[in-house]
Amino acid sequence: GTEVIETVVASSPFPWLAANVVHPSPGSSPFLPYAVKEVGGLRVGFVGATTRTAIWKDPAKVHPYQFLDEVEAVRQAVAHLREGERVDFVVVSYHGGLEALDDTTEIDHRENQGRRMIASVPGIDLLITGHQHRFVVEEIGTTLVVQAGWGGQALGCVSLCFAMDVATRGWRCGHITAELIPLSRREPDPEFVERLSAYGQRARAFLEQR
């Protein structure tokens, strides 16, 4: 339920971004719509959003949070980043996918709105997607879309190259590429596996009780 989420967010050393998840009481939501990271004068804006399936399937579990239309929420956040924060590059991390892929006959239930988001929201440079459990590296217009499957099967690696624009005195992304690296070819880090093993045992014990 929401109590667990709020506890986890409060104990995290990083912000949780969800532009379309709001609390009815102003200032009560643990989620931020966006964050800005500046490195060497380069300003990068990050926007978070999620699909609304949680509130469609079981509204009681997410009460009193409201899940707004993700496209409109992202539009407002990106506009503020571009005009108010004057960022040079915008990344949208979206727990949702593309409405339909070329190799599928998926029905559009507004569950995955990636293409609609790109078409409706100017200024998105990189869209990191999920939820569909697909492997995607695709350019749609001027936006690069990446989705790294599911279950830790792959790592999405995005490489960016920026240059100073002499005319505007701002940074410009001159080159952007992405690849999906299959993790089956990598050996797990022993220290990390050891640290996670205790959590895995607790999770298995909990599931065996159900």
Protein backbone atom coordinates (compact mmCIF):
# COMPACT_ATOMS: atom_id res chain seq x y z
CA GLY A 1 0.00 0.00 0.00
CA THR A 2 0.91 3.67 0.03
CA GLU A 3 2.45 3.51 3.51
CA VAL A 4 5.19 1.19 2.26
CA ILE A 5 5.90 3.37 -0.76
CA GLU A 6 6.09 6.52 1.36
CA THR A 7 8.50 4.84 3.78
CA VAL A 8 10.75 3.65 0.97
CA VAL A 9 10.76 7.06 -0.72
CA ALA A 10 11.54 8.85 2.55
CA SER A 11 14.52 6.56 3.21
CA SER A 12 15.97 6.83 -0.29
CA PRO A 13 19.08 8.98 -0.91
CA PHE A 14 17.69 10.04 -4.30
CA PRO A 15 14.46 11.69 -5.51
CA TRP A 16 11.53 9.67 -6.87
CA LEU A 17 10.07 11.26 -9.99
CA ALA A 18 6.40 10.90 -10.96
CA ALA A 19 4.95 13.98 -12.62
CA ASN A 20 1.50 12.44 -13.00
CA VAL A 21 1.13 11.04 -9.46
CA VAL A 22 -0.20 13.70 -7.10
CA HIS A 23 -1.59 13.93 -3.58
CA PRO A 24 -4.82 15.90 -2.95
CA SER A 25 -3.10 17.82 -0.12
CA PRO A 26 -0.57 20.30 -1.56
CA GLY A 27 2.97 19.52 -0.47
CA SER A 28 2.08 16.03 0.80
CA SER A 29 3.31 13.98 -2.16
CA PRO A 30 6.73 12.33 -1.74
CA PHE A 31 7.19 12.37 -5.50
CA LEU A 32 8.76 15.16 -7.54
CA PRO A 33 7.69 15.90 -11.12
CA TYR A 34 11.23 16.54 -12.30
CA ALA A 35 14.85 17.03 -11.25
CA VAL A 36 17.75 18.98 -12.74
CA LYS A 37 21.35 17.81 -12.77
CA GLU A 38 24.13 20.24 -13.69
CA VAL A 39 27.61 19.05 -14.66
CA GLY A 40 30.22 21.50 -15.85
CA GLY A 41 27.58 24.02 -16.88
CA LEU A 42 25.54 21.41 -18.79
CA ARG A 43 21.98 21.28 -17.43
CA VAL A 44 20.01 18.05 -17.87
CA GLY A 45 16.36 17.79 -16.88
CA PHE A 46 14.78 14.49 -15.81
CA VAL A 47 11.02 13.87 -15.77
CA GLY A 48 9.32 10.80 -14.32
CA ALA A 49 5.88 9.40 -15.19
CA THR A 50 4.02 6.12 -14.87
CA THR A 51 1.13 4.32 -16.46
CA ARG A 52 -2.25 4.64 -14.76
CA THR A 53 -2.92 0.90 -14.53
CA ALA A 54 -2.47 0.94 -10.73
CA ILE A 55 -5.50 3.14 -10.20
CA TRP A 56 -7.53 1.39 -12.88
CA LYS A 57 -7.03 -2.06 -11.38
CA ASP A 58 -7.21 -1.38 -7.64
CA PRO A 59 -7.84 2.27 -6.65
CA ALA A 60 -8.06 1.42 -2.94
CA LYS A 61 -4.41 0.40 -2.82
CA VAL A 62 -3.19 3.77 -4.06
CA HIS A 63 -5.68 5.99 -2.22
CA PRO A 64 -5.51 9.00 -1.82
CA TYR A 65 -3.06 9.47 -4.68
CA GLN A 66 -4.38 10.61 -8.03
CA PHE A 67 -2.92 9.41 -11.32
CA LEU A 68 -3.22 12.14 -13.94
CA ASP A 69 -2.90 11.76 -17.68
CA GLU A 70 0.81 11.13 -18.16
CA VAL A 71 1.07 12.96 -21.49
CA GLU A 72 -0.33 16.20 -20.10
CA ALA A 73 1.73 15.93 -16.90
CA VAL A 74 4.92 15.38 -18.89
CA ARG A 75 4.03 18.26 -21.20
CA GLN A 76 3.84 20.67 -18.27
CA ALA A 77 7.06 19.39 -16.68
CA VAL A 78 9.06 19.51 -19.92
CA ALA A 79 7.80 23.02 -20.70
CA HIS A 80 8.92 24.21 -17.27
CA LEU A 81 12.32 22.58 -17.68
CA ARG A 82 12.87 24.17 -21.08
CA GLU A 83 11.49 27.63 -20.31
CA GLY A 84 11.96 28.01 -16.56
CA GLU A 85 15.01 25.90 -15.77
CA ARG A 86 16.68 26.50 -19.16
CA VAL A 87 17.97 22.94 -19.42
CA ASP A 88 20.04 21.79 -22.39
CA PHE A 89 18.74 18.22 -22.58
CA VAL A 90 15.55 16.47 -21.40
CA VAL A 91 15.23 12.83 -20.35
CA VAL A 92 11.80 11.36 -19.65
CA SER A 93 11.73 8.11 -17.66
CA TYR A 94 8.32 6.58 -18.27
CA HIS A 95 6.98 3.37 -16.75
CA GLY A 96 4.92 2.79 -19.85
CA GLY A 97 5.65 1.74 -23.39
CA LEU A 98 4.77 2.53 -26.97
CA GLU A 99 1.16 2.16 -28.12
CA ALA A 100 2.07 -0.50 -30.67
CA LEU A 101 5.25 -2.00 -32.03
CA ASP A 102 5.76 -3.04 -35.63
CA ASP A 103 5.80 -6.74 -34.75
CA THR A 104 2.67 -6.72 -32.57
CA THR A 105 -1.08 -6.26 -32.83
CA GLU A 106 -1.43 -4.71 -29.39
CA ILE A 107 -4.67 -2.87 -28.73
CA ASP A 108 -4.26 0.71 -27.54
CA HIS A 109 -5.91 0.99 -24.12
CA ARG A 110 -4.06 4.22 -23.22
CA GLU A 111 -1.89 2.01 -21.03
CA ASN A 112 1.21 2.75 -23.10
CA GLN A 113 1.42 6.29 -24.45
CA GLY A 114 5.02 6.69 -25.57
CA ARG A 115 4.31 7.59 -29.19
CA ARG A 116 1.52 9.94 -28.19
CA MET A 117 3.85 11.55 -25.68
CA ILE A 118 6.54 12.19 -28.27
CA ALA A 119 4.03 13.54 -30.79
CA SER A 120 2.33 15.81 -28.24
CA VAL A 121 5.23 17.04 -26.11
CA PRO A 122 7.95 19.08 -27.81
CA GLY A 123 11.40 19.01 -26.27
CA ILE A 124 11.91 15.35 -25.25
CA ASP A 125 15.40 14.25 -26.27
CA LEU A 126 15.51 10.80 -24.67
CA LEU A 127 12.53 8.65 -23.66
CA ILE A 128 13.34 5.67 -21.43
CA THR A 129 10.34 3.33 -21.42
CA GLY A 130 9.24 0.11 -19.74
CA HIS A 131 6.13 -1.84 -18.75
CA GLN A 132 5.75 -3.61 -22.11
CA HIS A 133 8.67 -6.02 -21.55
CA ARG A 134 10.08 -5.29 -25.02
CA PHE A 135 13.52 -4.59 -26.38
CA VAL A 136 13.47 -1.24 -28.13
CA VAL A 137 16.07 1.15 -29.53
CA GLU A 138 14.27 3.46 -31.94
CA GLU A 139 14.39 7.03 -33.12
CA ILE A 140 10.99 8.68 -33.41
CA GLY A 141 11.46 12.11 -34.91
CA THR A 142 14.17 13.79 -32.86
CA THR A 143 13.58 11.59 -29.80
CA LEU A 144 15.55 8.44 -29.02
CA VAL A 145 13.48 5.70 -27.35
CA VAL A 146 15.02 2.92 -25.27
CA GLN A 147 13.39 -0.04 -23.53
CA ALA A 148 15.56 -2.79 -22.03
CA GLY A 149 13.14 -5.70 -21.76
CA TRP A 150 12.32 -7.02 -18.29
CA GLY A 151 13.70 -9.00 -15.38
CA GLY A 152 17.23 -7.64 -15.72
CA GLN A 153 17.74 -9.33 -19.08
CA ALA A 154 19.50 -6.36 -20.61
CA LEU A 155 21.13 -3.07 -19.75
CA GLY A 156 20.23 -0.02 -21.79
CA CYS A 157 23.36 2.03 -22.45
CA VAL A 158 22.95 5.54 -23.89
CA SER A 159 25.97 7.55 -25.04
CA LEU A 160 25.73 11.32 -25.41
CA CYS A 161 28.20 13.79 -26.88
CA PHE A 162 27.70 17.52 -26.20
CA ALA A 163 29.36 20.57 -27.71
CA MET A 164 29.14 24.24 -26.84
CA ASP A 165 27.03 26.23 -29.29
CA VAL A 166 29.04 29.38 -29.94
CA ALA A 167 26.02 31.37 -31.12
CA THR A 168 23.75 30.66 -28.15
CA ARG A 169 26.45 29.95 -25.56
CA GLY A 170 24.49 26.84 -24.64
CA TRP A 171 25.19 23.13 -24.88
CA ARG A 172 24.00 21.13 -27.86
CA CYS A 173 23.79 17.36 -28.14
CA GLY A 174 25.65 16.57 -31.31
CA HIS A 175 25.56 12.78 -31.08
CA ILE A 176 23.37 10.25 -29.26
CA THR A 177 23.43 6.47 -29.55
CA ALA A 178 22.01 3.58 -27.56
CA GLU A 179 22.48 -0.15 -27.29
CA LEU A 180 20.99 -2.99 -25.26
CA ILE A 181 23.63 -5.12 -23.57
CA PRO A 182 22.45 -8.68 -22.76
CA LEU A 183 23.31 -9.39 -19.14
CA SER A 184 23.38 -13.14 -19.76
CA ARG A 185 26.90 -12.59 -21.08
CA ARG A 186 28.02 -10.99 -17.83
CA GLU A 187 29.02 -12.71 -14.63
CA PRO A 188 27.14 -11.41 -11.56
CA ASP A 189 29.20 -9.41 -9.12
CA PRO A 190 29.89 -11.77 -6.15
CA GLU A 191 29.70 -9.01 -3.53
CA PHE A 192 26.40 -7.74 -4.90
CA VAL A 193 24.94 -11.26 -5.04
CA GLU A 194 25.95 -11.85 -1.43
CA ARG A 195 24.33 -8.60 -0.30
CA LEU A 196 21.09 -9.47 -2.08
CA SER A 197 20.88 -13.08 -0.94
CA ALA A 198 19.39 -12.19 2.46
CA TYR A 199 16.61 -10.20 0.77
CA GLY A 200 15.96 -13.09 -1.61
CA GLN A 201 15.59 -15.52 1.28
CA ARG A 202 13.13 -13.23 3.05
CA ALA A 203 11.09 -12.80 -0.14
CA ARG A 204 10.91 -16.57 -0.73
CA ALA A 205 9.85 -17.17 2.88
CA PHE A 206 7.09 -14.58 2.52
CA LEU A 207 5.82 -16.07 -0.77
CA GLU A 208 5.77 -19.60 0.68
CA GLN A 209 3.33 -18.42 3.35
CA ARG A 210 0.75 -17.31 0.78
